[in-house]
Structure formats: structure tokens, C-alpha cells
Protein backbone atom coordinates (compact mmCIF):
# COMPACT_ATOMS: atom_id res chain seq x y z
CA MET A 1 10.06 16.04 -16.56
CA ALA A 2 7.83 14.06 -18.79
CA GLU A 3 5.99 16.07 -21.48
CA ALA A 4 2.58 13.79 -21.02
CA PHE A 5 2.99 15.82 -17.44
CA ARG A 6 3.02 19.63 -18.49
CA GLY A 7 0.56 21.56 -18.41
CA THR A 8 -2.91 22.26 -16.37
CA TYR A 9 -4.79 20.14 -14.54
CA GLU A 10 -7.66 20.69 -16.95
CA GLY A 11 -9.76 17.15 -17.88
CA ARG A 12 -6.78 14.79 -16.31
CA GLN A 13 -9.02 13.08 -13.56
CA SER A 14 -12.35 13.58 -14.87
CA ASP A 15 -12.17 9.81 -15.95
CA ILE A 16 -11.13 8.19 -12.89
CA PRO A 17 -14.83 7.11 -11.57
CA LYS A 18 -14.90 4.81 -14.37
CA LEU A 19 -11.82 3.80 -14.54
CA ALA A 20 -11.36 -0.21 -14.92
CA THR A 21 -9.79 -1.89 -11.81
CA PRO A 22 -8.48 -5.04 -10.89
CA ASP A 23 -10.91 -6.91 -9.20
CA ILE A 24 -10.91 -7.18 -5.89
CA GLU A 25 -12.13 -10.81 -4.61
CA VAL A 26 -14.25 -11.59 -1.50
CA PHE A 27 -15.02 -14.42 0.53
CA GLU A 28 -18.22 -15.34 2.83
CA ASN A 29 -18.20 -13.70 6.31
CA VAL A 30 -19.31 -16.58 8.24
CA TYR A 31 -19.37 -14.13 11.46
CA ALA A 32 -22.43 -12.25 9.35
CA GLY A 33 -24.60 -10.33 12.21
CA ARG A 34 -21.66 -9.84 14.31
CA LEU A 35 -20.05 -6.12 14.27
CA TYR A 36 -16.41 -6.41 14.15
CA ASN A 37 -13.90 -4.60 12.82
CA ILE A 38 -11.06 -5.23 10.34
CA HIS A 39 -8.30 -2.68 9.59
CA PHE A 40 -5.74 -2.74 6.36
CA GLU A 41 -2.71 -0.71 5.79
CA ILE A 42 -0.75 -0.58 2.83
CA PRO A 43 2.50 0.67 3.71
CA GLU A 44 4.28 1.00 0.53
CA PHE A 45 1.46 2.57 -1.79
CA THR A 46 2.67 4.51 -4.83
CA ALA A 47 1.23 6.32 -7.56
CA ILE A 48 2.21 8.95 -10.28
CA CYS A 49 1.74 12.35 -9.79
CA PRO A 50 -0.31 13.69 -12.58
CA LYS A 51 1.19 16.89 -12.88
CA THR A 52 4.91 16.34 -12.44
CA GLY A 53 5.34 12.74 -13.63
CA LEU A 54 6.90 11.91 -10.36
CA PRO A 55 6.23 9.21 -7.75
CA ASP A 56 3.74 9.60 -4.89
CA PHE A 57 4.20 7.70 -1.97
CA GLY A 58 1.88 6.86 1.43
CA VAL A 59 0.41 4.52 3.54
CA ILE A 60 -3.10 3.38 2.92
CA TYR A 61 -5.25 2.51 5.88
CA ILE A 62 -8.49 0.62 5.37
CA ASP A 63 -10.69 0.03 8.30
CA TYR A 64 -14.09 -1.61 7.83
CA GLN A 65 -16.74 -3.57 9.37
CA PRO A 66 -18.20 -6.75 6.74
CA ASP A 67 -21.57 -7.61 6.48
CA LYS A 68 -21.73 -10.75 3.73
CA VAL A 69 -18.49 -10.62 2.58
CA CYS A 70 -15.00 -9.80 3.71
CA LEU A 71 -12.11 -8.89 1.44
CA GLU A 72 -9.15 -11.05 0.47
CA LEU A 73 -5.79 -9.88 0.83
CA LYS A 74 -3.85 -11.25 -2.47
CA SER A 75 -6.49 -9.54 -4.54
CA LEU A 76 -6.58 -6.65 -2.73
CA LYS A 77 -2.93 -6.49 -3.10
CA GLU A 78 -2.99 -6.65 -6.72
CA TYR A 79 -5.68 -3.97 -6.90
CA PHE A 80 -3.25 -1.63 -5.10
CA LEU A 81 -0.23 -2.50 -7.15
CA PHE A 82 -2.30 -0.72 -10.29
CA PHE A 83 -1.78 2.71 -9.18
CA ARG A 84 1.99 2.52 -9.12
CA ASN A 85 1.54 3.53 -12.90
CA LEU A 86 -1.24 5.61 -12.91
CA GLY A 87 -1.29 9.21 -12.74
CA ILE A 88 -3.76 10.18 -10.06
CA PHE A 89 -4.47 12.71 -7.08
CA HIS A 90 -4.17 11.64 -3.57
CA GLU A 91 -7.38 13.14 -3.26
CA ASN A 92 -8.62 10.94 -6.21
CA VAL A 93 -6.95 7.47 -5.23
CA VAL A 94 -9.11 7.85 -1.67
CA ASN A 95 -12.55 8.26 -3.56
CA LYS A 96 -11.77 5.77 -5.96
CA VAL A 97 -10.56 3.23 -3.64
CA THR A 98 -13.61 3.54 -1.17
CA GLU A 99 -16.35 3.67 -4.41
CA ASP A 100 -14.29 0.50 -5.46
CA LEU A 101 -14.84 -0.86 -1.53
CA ILE A 102 -18.25 -0.47 -1.13
CA ARG A 103 -19.27 -1.72 -4.73
CA VAL A 104 -17.23 -5.49 -3.84
CA CYS A 105 -18.24 -5.91 -0.53
CA ASP A 106 -21.15 -3.62 0.55
CA PRO A 107 -19.56 -2.99 4.48
CA LEU A 108 -22.03 -1.74 6.85
CA TYR A 109 -18.92 0.99 7.49
CA LEU A 110 -16.17 1.72 5.28
CA LYS A 111 -13.38 4.33 6.09
CA VAL A 112 -10.29 4.95 3.79
CA ARG A 113 -7.17 7.22 4.46
CA GLY A 114 -4.27 8.55 2.59
CA ASP A 115 -1.61 9.54 4.32
CA TYR A 116 0.94 10.49 1.98
CA ASN A 117 4.82 11.29 2.68
CA LEU A 118 5.92 15.21 2.51
CA ARG A 119 5.81 16.34 -0.98
CA GLY A 120 7.13 20.31 -1.31
CA GLY A 121 7.14 20.69 2.43
CA ILE A 122 3.46 20.07 2.14
CA LYS A 123 1.58 16.64 4.35
CA THR A 124 -1.54 15.23 2.69
CA VAL A 125 -4.22 13.05 4.53
CA VAL A 126 -7.06 12.34 2.77
CA GLU A 127 -10.29 10.48 4.31
CA ARG A 128 -13.20 9.18 3.20
CA GLU A 129 -16.12 7.21 5.26
CA TYR A 130 -18.94 5.62 4.38
CA ARG A 131 -21.47 4.25 6.29
CA ARG A 132 -24.73 2.22 5.00
CA THR A 133 -27.96 3.41 6.16
């Protein structure tokens, strides 16, 4: 176990909301004004447990209703690759992804779900929903 990952969690995740992540590109939604859903699955999501330094694996699900722009897939893939070497808790992944997607595409509706593989006999699923008011 790497020394950097031993000890308490104190202060380890407080910078996550301000963390600079790769840009996610968007393109014009030529069907703006029509309600429809887009669903993405990222089946090989990987990040690092900030406590143990071991990899965490899971599936990230994104459901959204676009407004003026849609998310571009290549840049979305590069965005998720960024997390591969990042020490970050499951809960913080879902919240960071949600906030980054809202900032980039200002959707009408968004749901991000992190469905993680078993770790120590515990299954973790984290969800966050956003609906523009």
C-alpha cells in the first residue's frame, strides 16, 4: 500500500469541486425544443481509492435531456479516462461528473449513476439527479 494513501480521509477530497478536468466538447442540438433522452454507459470506469491506493471499477450511467447542445462522445471518453489515476471517492465521482456536465451542456434533465463493483463485500451505487427549473 502506498504511503500517500495511508491515514485518515481528512482533507483528501476537499479540492474535488475545484479540480480542473479535461474539456468536454458539445455540438448544436438541431432538435432543440423537442424532448428526447440520451443514455450513455461507461462500462470500464476506473478510479483510485484515496484510502488504499487500489483501483475501483464500475459502470457510470448518464441519462440526459439536451437543450441547445449535446455531449460529444470522443471528448467524453477522454474526460472519463482522466479519473483512471485519480484518488477519489465514489460519491465524489458522481457529484463531480454531474456538476461538470451541467456546466458544459446545461441540460433540461440529467441523472448520473455510479454502479461500482463489490469492494470488501459491499456494493456501492451512487446517483444524483438534476432538473432545470
